[in-house]
Amino acid sequence: MCSSLFGQFSHHDLQVTLAVGSPTLAAFSLALTAVNARWANNRFSAIKYPNHESAVKILIHLQQVPLHLTTRDGLLASLVVLPENDGWWECLVNGLEQTHTWTIATGTSIAWVIIAFVFTIIDSFVDVEKNLYSNGRDVGTLWLWLVPIVVGWLWAPVCSYDKLKAAIDMANDIALVAAPDSPPQPDVLGDSSCADGSRDTNSPRRTYDILHIAAIRISERNKVFIRDAARTAPVFNFARAWDWWPFVETIARAFEHADENVEKHVAVDSRKWILSEDKHIAVHRDNRTGTLRQVQAYCGLPALGGKEAVQPAPSGIWKRVLIAAVFALGLQWGTTGSATMMEMLAPTTGLGCRSGAYILYGIISTTIWLALLLSSYLSHFAKMRYDHGHPRRGISYVTVAEGLATFLRRLSIVVAGCNTIGVILICMFQFSNFYSTCYCNSSVLGRGVQHAYDIIFSYGHVHIRAAWIWGFVLSGGCAIVYLFFLGLMLERSHHTKNR
């Protein structure tokens, strides 16, 4: 029953529910996507081997889908080394062009939201006493996080799943794998016949004709405990990061090994190094040809075997998580905290229904983010153990991690749905004067029953205006800082350093 209930949610429904129910999660996923983009760019910045720029662009886009990487049988090494696979990189880059871009309609919509909020601010100061409670000042501040999130995803590299899958399938259809060291049997040579009818055993072969798999492909596994990583909505990018980091590191190391060999003028097949006559071509194509074992060794990958090598985890993972968390929490509590502060400093001062509801919304939002972050890590942990042959039977620390990850994920979605409904009700109550009762216009929650109705208004409207001004500055400043951070990360990630 529970599984069918969660299965009825579409990716878009879940994205909206999680974003509104936990702005912290939406801001964290976007910030982590931007931080990862810059890290990937920096990781490849010292590499000059052919197709490294295309590799960076592809890897940044591929944060949006669950991936599977195969390094054995020369699949990855052939993509990196063989000149015949240059078209694979070009094809995939062209297919992953950003689809969510700025339009006149998008810009106008965001501009109107900002203009409406500015008019709300102006209206708040026209008659302070009249506008203490029932206006859009607090509600507008509470929802201000939405503007940088929407703008940020227009900046970030986002591609529709259908287009992304079509691009990967199209590229993999032309991928080639290096020829084996020993002459292959005639029944597996496919279309590699020469014009005179002989067999060219040194020519690369079409990957799908030989192995029926590709080096880089979308993972089709749909286990319950990794379901968040399988969802392609951008808000779930955080759940895929644990697998994406080793994925990028493995490919970067393959390029690095090939690049180091080029620096030493070592050809793939160990023959004499051939200098390129074209200054625009860094490595002559004859230096990039070789057999299956040779390309594996050239990229520093293990010798041929049926077992997949463990993908290395890069350094600085928790640093990137921390950076994204700081800016996400800053945006969440900069907006929620500003709305809370403006209510708490209005007569009667102290914690009341309005400010208490805002604080509760922020706490639940933060808790959902923490629970889903832990769930994604536990899912990755369990997945790694199963991928490396851990037996799936009985009760062990792996099955416990799997069960806890599933429980936290499902509970978080339910709580996010409740928090979404709750924040909508908070806004409705604010505009309908539902809170205009003796209890809610007092500070029972903050000062207790005996002093809840002490109207502290002797300091006049000047201090109230000052509190509101600081509240608007805090919320707007946090939104601007978050946008500046995203712009800095994404702009620098688009400039690959060429040597």
Protein backbone atom coordinates (compact mmCIF):
# COMPACT_ATOMS: atom_id res chain seq x y z
CA MET A 1 0.00 0.00 0.00
CA CYS A 2 2.79 2.36 0.93
CA SER A 3 4.68 1.57 -2.26
CA SER A 4 1.62 2.21 -4.43
CA LEU A 5 1.00 5.49 -2.65
CA PHE A 6 4.50 6.76 -3.38
CA GLY A 7 4.36 5.38 -6.90
CA GLN A 8 1.46 7.69 -7.72
CA PHE A 9 3.67 10.76 -7.35
CA SER A 10 5.29 11.98 -10.53
CA HIS A 11 8.75 13.46 -10.51
CA HIS A 12 7.28 16.94 -10.94
CA ASP A 13 4.84 16.45 -8.06
CA LEU A 14 7.65 15.36 -5.79
CA GLN A 15 9.87 18.20 -6.92
CA VAL A 16 7.24 20.80 -6.06
CA THR A 17 6.37 19.09 -2.78
CA LEU A 18 9.99 18.86 -1.67
CA ALA A 19 10.91 22.35 -2.85
CA VAL A 20 8.01 24.06 -1.05
CA GLY A 21 8.08 21.73 1.94
CA SER A 22 11.86 22.09 2.27
CA PRO A 23 13.42 25.14 0.61
CA THR A 24 16.62 24.07 2.37
CA LEU A 25 16.69 20.91 0.26
CA ALA A 26 15.97 22.76 -3.00
CA ALA A 27 18.64 25.36 -2.26
CA PHE A 28 21.14 22.68 -1.20
CA SER A 29 20.62 20.57 -4.32
CA LEU A 30 21.06 23.62 -6.57
CA ALA A 31 24.11 24.86 -4.65
CA LEU A 32 25.70 21.40 -4.72
CA THR A 33 25.08 21.18 -8.48
CA ALA A 34 26.91 24.49 -8.96
CA VAL A 35 29.77 23.52 -6.62
CA ASN A 36 30.13 20.18 -8.42
CA ALA A 37 30.24 21.94 -11.78
CA ARG A 38 33.14 24.10 -10.65
CA TRP A 39 34.93 21.14 -9.08
CA ALA A 40 34.63 19.10 -12.28
CA ASN A 41 36.00 22.00 -14.27
CA ASN A 42 38.93 22.40 -11.89
CA ARG A 43 39.54 18.65 -11.91
CA PHE A 44 40.13 18.72 -15.68
CA SER A 45 41.80 22.14 -15.83
CA ALA A 46 45.35 20.76 -15.92
CA ILE A 47 44.57 18.18 -18.62
CA LYS A 48 45.11 18.87 -22.30
CA TYR A 49 44.43 15.43 -23.79
CA PRO A 50 41.96 15.52 -26.71
CA ASN A 51 38.26 15.76 -25.76
CA HIS A 52 38.88 16.86 -22.15
CA GLU A 53 36.72 19.97 -22.63
CA SER A 54 33.87 17.87 -23.98
CA ALA A 55 34.26 15.48 -21.06
CA VAL A 56 33.78 18.32 -18.56
CA LYS A 57 30.62 19.59 -20.25
CA ILE A 58 29.17 16.09 -20.43
CA LEU A 59 29.95 15.24 -16.80
CA ILE A 60 28.39 18.46 -15.53
CA HIS A 61 25.17 17.73 -17.43
CA LEU A 62 25.11 14.13 -16.27
CA GLN A 63 24.45 15.15 -12.67
CA GLN A 64 20.79 14.89 -13.60
CA VAL A 65 20.59 11.12 -14.11
CA PRO A 66 21.79 7.98 -12.33
CA LEU A 67 24.82 6.68 -14.18
CA HIS A 68 26.70 3.45 -14.66
CA LEU A 69 30.34 3.42 -15.71
CA THR A 70 32.14 0.37 -17.14
CA THR A 71 35.92 0.50 -17.18
CA ARG A 72 36.61 -3.15 -18.02
CA ASP A 73 36.95 -4.63 -21.52
CA GLY A 74 38.53 -1.40 -22.76
CA LEU A 75 35.21 0.44 -22.93
CA LEU A 76 36.17 3.64 -21.11
CA ALA A 77 39.78 3.57 -22.28
CA SER A 78 38.65 3.30 -25.90
CA LEU A 79 36.45 6.37 -25.51
CA VAL A 80 39.33 8.34 -24.03
CA VAL A 81 42.14 7.21 -26.33
CA LEU A 82 40.91 6.18 -29.77
CA PRO A 83 40.68 8.99 -32.34
CA GLU A 84 37.72 7.17 -33.91
CA ASN A 85 35.72 8.05 -30.76
CA ASP A 86 36.20 11.80 -31.09
CA GLY A 87 32.80 11.83 -32.77
CA TRP A 88 31.28 10.18 -29.67
CA TRP A 89 32.27 13.13 -27.47
CA GLU A 90 31.15 15.69 -30.02
CA CYS A 91 27.84 13.93 -30.57
CA LEU A 92 27.06 13.77 -26.86
CA VAL A 93 28.00 17.40 -26.23
CA ASN A 94 25.74 18.55 -29.06
CA GLY A 95 22.89 16.46 -27.69
CA LEU A 96 23.19 17.88 -24.17
CA GLU A 97 22.75 21.52 -25.04
CA GLN A 98 20.93 23.35 -22.29
CA THR A 99 17.17 23.46 -22.83
CA HIS A 100 16.01 25.58 -19.86
CA THR A 101 17.11 29.07 -20.86
CA TRP A 102 15.93 32.61 -20.30
CA THR A 103 12.93 33.73 -22.30
CA ILE A 104 10.96 36.97 -22.37
CA ALA A 105 8.09 35.25 -20.56
CA THR A 106 10.37 33.88 -17.85
CA GLY A 107 12.13 37.18 -17.30
CA THR A 108 8.85 39.08 -17.21
CA SER A 109 7.34 36.68 -14.67
CA ILE A 110 10.29 37.00 -12.32
CA ALA A 111 10.36 40.78 -12.79
CA TRP A 112 6.68 41.02 -11.84
CA VAL A 113 7.27 38.99 -8.69
CA ILE A 114 10.07 41.34 -7.65
CA ILE A 115 8.03 44.44 -8.50
CA ALA A 116 5.04 43.15 -6.53
CA PHE A 117 7.28 42.51 -3.53
CA VAL A 118 8.73 46.02 -3.77
CA PHE A 119 5.23 47.52 -3.79
CA THR A 120 4.37 45.37 -0.77
CA ILE A 121 7.37 46.81 1.07
CA ILE A 122 6.34 50.36 0.16
CA ASP A 123 2.76 49.74 1.26
CA SER A 124 3.94 48.41 4.62
CA PHE A 125 5.48 51.75 5.54
CA VAL A 126 2.51 53.89 4.46
CA ASP A 127 0.53 53.21 7.63
CA VAL A 128 2.58 51.20 10.12
CA GLU A 129 -0.15 50.76 12.72
CA LYS A 130 -2.67 49.55 10.16
CA ASN A 131 -0.20 47.15 8.55
CA LEU A 132 1.14 45.46 11.67
CA TYR A 133 -0.31 42.05 10.79
CA SER A 134 -2.63 41.59 7.81
CA ASN A 135 -0.48 42.31 4.74
CA GLY A 136 1.94 40.55 2.46
CA ARG A 137 5.09 41.85 4.09
CA ASP A 138 5.90 38.72 6.10
CA VAL A 139 4.49 36.33 3.51
CA GLY A 140 6.52 37.93 0.72
CA THR A 141 9.67 37.70 2.81
CA LEU A 142 8.92 34.10 3.73
CA TRP A 143 8.63 33.10 0.06
CA LEU A 144 11.55 35.19 -1.22
CA TRP A 145 13.71 32.05 -1.44
CA LEU A 146 11.72 31.07 -4.52
CA VAL A 147 13.25 33.79 -6.73
CA PRO A 148 16.93 32.70 -6.44
CA ILE A 149 15.93 29.04 -6.77
CA VAL A 150 14.03 29.63 -10.02
CA VAL A 151 16.73 31.92 -11.42
CA GLY A 152 19.44 29.48 -10.35
CA TRP A 153 17.93 26.54 -12.20
CA LEU A 154 17.75 28.73 -15.32
CA TRP A 155 21.47 29.25 -14.99
CA ALA A 156 22.36 25.67 -14.15
CA PRO A 157 22.86 23.08 -16.91
CA VAL A 158 19.51 21.27 -17.00
CA CYS A 159 18.38 19.04 -19.84
CA SER A 160 15.10 17.17 -20.16
CA TYR A 161 15.39 13.47 -19.41
CA ASP A 162 14.07 12.41 -22.83
CA LYS A 163 16.58 14.58 -24.64
CA LEU A 164 19.40 13.47 -22.35
CA LYS A 165 18.64 9.77 -22.82
CA ALA A 166 18.30 10.19 -26.57
CA ALA A 167 21.68 11.96 -26.68
CA ILE A 168 23.42 9.18 -24.72
CA ASP A 169 21.81 6.44 -26.83
CA MET A 170 22.75 8.20 -30.06
CA ALA A 171 26.35 8.67 -28.97
CA ASN A 172 26.70 5.10 -27.71
CA ASP A 173 25.41 3.86 -31.03
CA ILE A 174 28.61 5.11 -32.69
CA ALA A 175 31.03 4.20 -29.86
CA LEU A 176 33.94 1.96 -30.81
CA VAL A 177 36.11 -0.35 -28.73
CA ALA A 178 39.75 -1.19 -29.42
CA ALA A 179 40.60 -4.40 -31.21
CA PRO A 180 41.61 -7.40 -29.07
CA ASP A 181 45.23 -8.45 -28.69
CA SER A 182 44.62 -11.82 -30.31
CA PRO A 183 42.80 -12.15 -33.62
CA PRO A 184 39.04 -12.36 -32.97
CA GLN A 185 36.85 -15.15 -34.20
CA PRO A 186 35.05 -14.51 -37.49
CA ASP A 187 31.58 -14.69 -35.91
CA VAL A 188 32.21 -11.66 -33.66
CA LEU A 189 33.82 -9.39 -36.21
CA GLY A 190 30.52 -7.86 -37.29
CA ASP A 191 30.96 -5.36 -40.12
CA SER A 192 34.75 -5.01 -39.81
CA SER A 193 35.51 -6.65 -43.17
CA CYS A 194 37.91 -4.87 -45.49
CA ALA A 195 37.02 -4.00 -49.05
CA ASP A 196 38.98 -6.96 -50.43
CA GLY A 197 37.11 -9.39 -48.21
CA SER A 198 39.91 -9.84 -45.66
CA ARG A 199 39.52 -9.17 -41.97
CA ASP A 200 41.10 -6.05 -40.45
CA THR A 201 41.88 -7.29 -36.95
CA ASN A 202 43.45 -3.98 -35.89
CA SER A 203 40.42 -1.80 -36.51
CA PRO A 204 38.20 -0.69 -33.60
CA ARG A 205 34.86 -2.44 -33.47
CA ARG A 206 31.39 -1.13 -32.73
CA THR A 207 30.81 -1.53 -29.00
CA TYR A 208 27.23 -2.75 -29.13
CA ASP A 209 28.08 -5.34 -31.78
CA ILE A 210 30.75 -6.87 -29.53
CA LEU A 211 29.77 -6.38 -25.90
CA HIS A 212 26.17 -5.07 -26.07
CA ILE A 213 26.95 -2.53 -23.35
CA ALA A 214 28.42 0.97 -23.25
CA ALA A 215 31.04 2.58 -21.04
CA ILE A 216 28.72 5.40 -19.95
CA ARG A 217 25.02 4.76 -19.70
CA ILE A 218 21.98 5.57 -17.59
CA SER A 219 21.49 3.12 -14.75
CA GLU A 220 18.18 1.33 -15.08
CA ARG A 221 18.15 -0.25 -11.62
CA ASN A 222 15.10 0.75 -9.60
CA LYS A 223 15.68 -0.61 -6.12
CA VAL A 224 13.50 0.99 -3.47
CA PHE A 225 16.35 2.29 -1.32
CA ILE A 226 18.00 4.19 -4.24
CA ARG A 227 14.81 5.53 -5.76
CA ASP A 228 15.63 9.18 -5.04
CA ALA A 229 18.82 8.91 -7.09
CA ALA A 230 16.79 7.45 -9.96
CA ARG A 231 14.46 10.46 -10.09
CA THR A 232 15.68 12.92 -12.72
CA ALA A 233 14.08 16.07 -11.32
CA PRO A 234 16.88 18.59 -10.49
CA VAL A 235 15.91 18.72 -6.81
CA PHE A 236 17.24 15.14 -6.52
CA ASN A 237 20.75 15.99 -7.80
CA PHE A 238 22.00 15.82 -4.22
CA ALA A 239 21.08 12.11 -4.05
CA ARG A 240 23.14 11.29 -7.14
CA ALA A 241 26.24 13.20 -6.01
CA TRP A 242 27.65 10.26 -4.02
CA ASP A 243 27.87 8.17 -7.21
CA TRP A 244 28.70 11.10 -9.48
CA TRP A 245 31.91 12.06 -7.64
CA PRO A 246 33.66 8.66 -8.13
CA PHE A 247 32.29 8.60 -11.68
CA VAL A 248 34.02 11.90 -12.50
CA GLU A 249 37.19 10.96 -10.62
CA THR A 250 37.55 7.70 -12.55
CA ILE A 251 37.21 9.42 -15.92
CA ALA A 252 39.53 12.25 -14.86
CA ARG A 253 42.24 9.77 -13.83
CA ALA A 254 41.94 7.99 -17.18
CA PHE A 255 42.48 11.31 -18.98
CA GLU A 256 45.35 12.18 -16.63
CA HIS A 257 47.22 8.95 -17.33
CA ALA A 258 46.81 9.46 -21.06
CA ASP A 259 47.95 13.06 -20.70
CA GLU A 260 51.05 12.03 -18.74
CA ASN A 261 51.97 9.59 -21.51
CA VAL A 262 51.61 12.36 -24.07
CA GLU A 263 53.96 14.57 -22.02
CA LYS A 264 56.52 11.74 -22.17
CA HIS A 265 55.86 11.25 -25.92
CA VAL A 266 54.74 7.67 -25.36
CA ALA A 267 52.42 6.29 -28.04
CA VAL A 268 49.63 3.87 -27.18
CA ASP A 269 51.23 1.00 -29.10
CA SER A 270 54.75 1.97 -27.85
CA ARG A 271 55.95 2.77 -31.33
CA LYS A 272 57.98 5.87 -32.20
CA TRP A 273 56.18 9.11 -31.33
CA ILE A 274 54.80 10.91 -34.39
CA LEU A 275 54.71 14.70 -34.30
CA SER A 276 51.56 16.37 -35.53
CA GLU A 277 51.98 18.62 -38.55
CA ASP A 278 48.79 20.53 -37.69
CA LYS A 279 49.36 22.90 -34.76
CA HIS A 280 45.65 22.70 -33.90
CA ILE A 281 45.96 18.94 -33.27
CA ALA A 282 47.87 18.29 -30.06
CA VAL A 283 48.30 14.54 -30.55
CA HIS A 284 48.71 12.80 -33.90
CA ARG A 285 46.01 10.17 -34.36
CA ASP A 286 48.58 7.43 -35.01
CA ASN A 287 49.85 7.93 -31.45
CA ARG A 288 46.34 7.15 -30.16
CA THR A 289 45.80 3.74 -31.75
CA GLY A 290 46.36 0.39 -30.10
CA THR A 291 44.90 -2.86 -28.93
CA LEU A 292 42.53 -3.41 -26.07
CA ARG A 293 45.21 -4.10 -23.49
CA GLN A 294 47.28 -1.19 -24.71
CA VAL A 295 44.52 1.39 -24.32
CA GLN A 296 43.70 0.01 -20.87
CA ALA A 297 47.31 0.41 -19.79
CA TYR A 298 47.57 3.83 -21.42
CA CYS A 299 44.74 5.10 -19.19
CA GLY A 300 46.09 3.42 -16.06
CA LEU A 301 43.14 1.06 -15.85
CA PRO A 302 43.41 -2.55 -14.66
CA ALA A 303 44.22 -5.30 -17.11
CA LEU A 304 41.38 -7.14 -18.73
CA GLY A 305 39.16 -9.13 -16.44
CA GLY A 306 35.55 -9.89 -15.70
CA LYS A 307 35.41 -7.90 -12.46
CA GLU A 308 34.82 -4.17 -12.45
CA ALA A 309 37.44 -2.07 -10.65
CA VAL A 310 36.41 -0.04 -7.61
CA GLN A 311 35.85 3.59 -8.53
CA PRO A 312 37.98 5.91 -6.36
CA ALA A 313 36.30 8.56 -4.21
CA PRO A 314 37.82 12.01 -4.74
CA SER A 315 38.99 14.26 -1.95
CA GLY A 316 37.00 17.23 -0.69
CA ILE A 317 33.56 15.60 -0.79
CA TRP A 318 32.49 16.82 2.64
CA LYS A 319 33.95 20.24 1.93
CA ARG A 320 31.65 20.61 -1.07
CA VAL A 321 28.70 19.35 0.96
CA LEU A 322 29.49 21.88 3.70
CA ILE A 323 29.76 24.80 1.27
CA ALA A 324 26.42 23.96 -0.33
CA ALA A 325 24.84 23.48 3.11
CA VAL A 326 26.02 26.87 4.37
CA PHE A 327 24.47 28.75 1.47
CA ALA A 328 21.29 26.66 1.53
CA LEU A 329 20.77 27.24 5.25
CA GLY A 330 21.61 30.90 4.77
CA LEU A 331 18.88 31.28 2.17
CA GLN A 332 16.33 29.32 4.20
CA TRP A 333 16.86 31.10 7.50
CA GLY A 334 17.60 34.45 5.91
CA THR A 335 14.07 34.53 4.51
CA THR A 336 12.24 32.59 7.22
CA GLY A 337 14.21 34.32 9.97
CA SER A 338 13.43 37.76 8.54
CA ALA A 339 9.69 37.06 8.52
CA THR A 340 9.95 35.75 12.07
CA MET A 341 11.94 38.74 13.29
CA MET A 342 9.49 41.27 11.84
CA GLU A 343 6.61 39.55 13.61
CA MET A 344 8.41 39.15 16.92
CA LEU A 345 9.35 42.83 17.06
CA ALA A 346 5.82 44.02 16.35
CA PRO A 347 3.42 44.66 19.27
CA THR A 348 2.99 42.62 21.22
CA THR A 349 6.66 41.72 21.05
CA GLY A 350 7.82 38.17 21.49
CA LEU A 351 6.96 34.74 20.15
CA GLY A 352 3.39 34.43 18.92
CA CYS A 353 1.25 32.41 16.52
CA ARG A 354 2.62 34.02 13.37
CA SER A 355 6.28 33.97 14.29
CA GLY A 356 5.93 30.52 15.86
CA ALA A 357 4.42 29.14 12.63
CA TYR A 358 7.31 30.57 10.61
CA ILE A 359 9.90 29.06 12.93
CA LEU A 360 8.17 25.68 12.81
CA TYR A 361 8.15 25.81 9.01
CA GLY A 362 11.88 26.53 8.93
CA ILE A 363 12.72 23.81 11.46
CA ILE A 364 10.73 21.18 9.57
CA SER A 365 12.31 22.28 6.29
CA THR A 366 15.79 21.90 7.74
CA THR A 367 14.96 18.53 9.30
CA ILE A 368 13.67 17.18 5.97
CA TRP A 369 16.93 18.19 4.30
CA LEU A 370 19.02 16.47 6.97
CA ALA A 371 16.91 13.30 6.79
CA LEU A 372 17.11 13.06 3.00
CA LEU A 373 20.84 13.81 2.99
CA LEU A 374 21.38 10.98 5.46
CA SER A 375 19.05 8.74 3.44
CA SER A 376 21.01 9.39 0.24
CA TYR A 377 24.31 8.57 1.95
CA LEU A 378 22.95 5.35 3.45
CA SER A 379 21.55 4.38 0.03
CA HIS A 380 24.93 4.93 -1.56
CA PHE A 381 26.61 2.91 1.19
CA ALA A 382 24.23 -0.04 0.72
CA LYS A 383 24.48 0.14 -3.07
CA MET A 384 28.28 0.03 -2.98
CA ARG A 385 28.24 -3.04 -0.78
CA TYR A 386 25.81 -4.88 -3.07
CA ASP A 387 27.78 -3.88 -6.16
CA HIS A 388 30.89 -5.42 -4.67
CA GLY A 389 29.36 -8.76 -3.83
CA HIS A 390 27.97 -8.31 -0.34
CA PRO A 391 25.47 -11.15 0.24
CA ARG A 392 21.88 -9.97 0.39
CA ARG A 393 20.54 -12.26 3.05
CA GLY A 394 19.77 -12.08 6.74
CA ILE A 395 20.16 -8.98 8.87
CA SER A 396 23.43 -7.07 8.55
CA TYR A 397 24.62 -3.49 8.76
CA VAL A 398 24.00 -3.18 5.02
CA THR A 399 20.37 -4.29 5.20
CA VAL A 400 19.87 -1.99 8.19
CA ALA A 401 21.29 0.90 6.18
CA GLU A 402 19.01 0.03 3.27
CA GLY A 403 15.91 -0.14 5.49
CA LEU A 404 16.74 3.09 7.31
CA ALA A 405 17.37 4.90 4.01
CA THR A 406 13.99 3.80 2.67
CA PHE A 407 12.22 4.78 5.89
CA LEU A 408 13.81 8.23 6.02
CA ARG A 409 13.05 8.87 2.35
CA ARG A 410 9.37 7.97 2.64
CA LEU A 411 8.91 9.77 5.94
CA SER A 412 10.56 12.90 4.55
CA ILE A 413 8.22 12.96 1.55
CA VAL A 414 5.18 12.69 3.82
CA VAL A 415 6.48 15.40 6.15
CA ALA A 416 7.36 17.62 3.18
CA GLY A 417 3.80 17.27 1.92
CA CYS A 418 2.45 18.27 5.33
CA ASN A 419 4.86 21.20 5.54
CA THR A 420 3.78 22.36 2.08
CA ILE A 421 0.13 22.33 3.11
CA GLY A 422 1.08 23.99 6.38
CA VAL A 423 2.89 26.95 4.81
CA ILE A 424 -0.02 27.51 2.42
CA LEU A 425 -2.42 27.56 5.38
CA ILE A 426 -0.11 29.98 7.20
CA CYS A 427 -0.37 32.40 4.28
CA MET A 428 -4.15 31.99 4.08
CA PHE A 429 -4.52 32.62 7.81
CA GLN A 430 -2.34 35.71 7.52
CA PHE A 431 -4.39 37.30 4.75
CA SER A 432 -7.77 36.25 6.15
CA ASN A 433 -7.07 37.74 9.61
CA PHE A 434 -7.45 34.30 11.13
CA TYR A 435 -4.64 35.21 13.51
CA SER A 436 -6.46 38.35 14.71
CA THR A 437 -7.54 36.85 18.00
CA CYS A 438 -6.56 37.70 21.55
CA TYR A 439 -4.37 34.62 21.78
CA CYS A 440 -2.52 35.14 18.46
CA ASN A 441 -2.16 38.91 18.85
CA SER A 442 -0.51 38.31 22.21
CA SER A 443 2.75 36.64 23.19
CA VAL A 444 1.51 33.67 25.13
CA LEU A 445 4.08 31.40 23.49
CA GLY A 446 6.96 33.74 24.30
CA ARG A 447 6.16 35.35 27.65
CA GLY A 448 3.48 33.17 29.17
CA VAL A 449 -0.13 33.93 30.07
CA GLN A 450 0.52 36.56 32.77
CA HIS A 451 2.51 38.93 30.54
CA ALA A 452 1.22 37.88 27.14
CA TYR A 453 -1.01 40.90 26.72
CA ASP A 454 1.48 43.60 27.71
CA ILE A 455 1.32 45.91 24.71
CA ILE A 456 4.80 47.32 24.42
CA PHE A 457 4.28 50.21 22.06
CA SER A 458 5.89 53.09 23.91
CA TYR A 459 8.90 53.29 21.64
CA GLY A 460 6.73 54.32 18.67
CA HIS A 461 6.70 53.47 15.00
CA VAL A 462 10.32 54.38 14.37
CA HIS A 463 11.66 51.20 15.94
CA ILE A 464 9.07 49.07 14.16
CA ARG A 465 10.09 50.59 10.83
CA ALA A 466 13.74 49.92 11.68
CA ALA A 467 12.97 46.26 12.47
CA TRP A 468 11.10 45.88 9.19
CA ILE A 469 13.89 47.55 7.22
CA TRP A 470 16.49 45.24 8.72
CA GLY A 471 14.22 42.28 8.02
CA PHE A 472 13.91 43.23 4.33
CA VAL A 473 17.65 43.85 4.11
CA LEU A 474 18.44 40.47 5.69
CA SER A 475 16.09 38.47 3.45
CA GLY A 476 16.98 40.34 0.27
CA GLY A 477 20.67 40.24 1.10
CA CYS A 478 20.63 36.47 1.64
CA ALA A 479 18.83 35.97 -1.69
CA ILE A 480 21.34 38.19 -3.49
CA VAL A 481 24.34 36.50 -1.84
CA TYR A 482 22.97 33.08 -2.82
CA LEU A 483 22.50 34.21 -6.43
CA PHE A 484 25.99 35.73 -6.47
CA PHE A 485 27.42 32.46 -5.18
CA LEU A 486 25.62 30.46 -7.89
CA GLY A 487 26.71 32.88 -10.59
CA LEU A 488 30.33 32.68 -9.44
CA MET A 489 30.34 28.87 -9.36
CA LEU A 490 28.59 28.39 -12.69
CA GLU A 491 30.44 31.14 -14.54
CA ARG A 492 33.84 29.81 -13.55
CA SER A 493 32.74 26.28 -14.40
CA HIS A 494 32.05 27.34 -18.00
CA HIS A 495 35.65 28.49 -18.53
CA THR A 496 37.88 25.49 -18.92
CA LYS A 497 41.55 26.32 -18.65
CA ASN A 498 43.40 25.36 -21.81
CA ARG A 499 47.09 24.68 -21.81
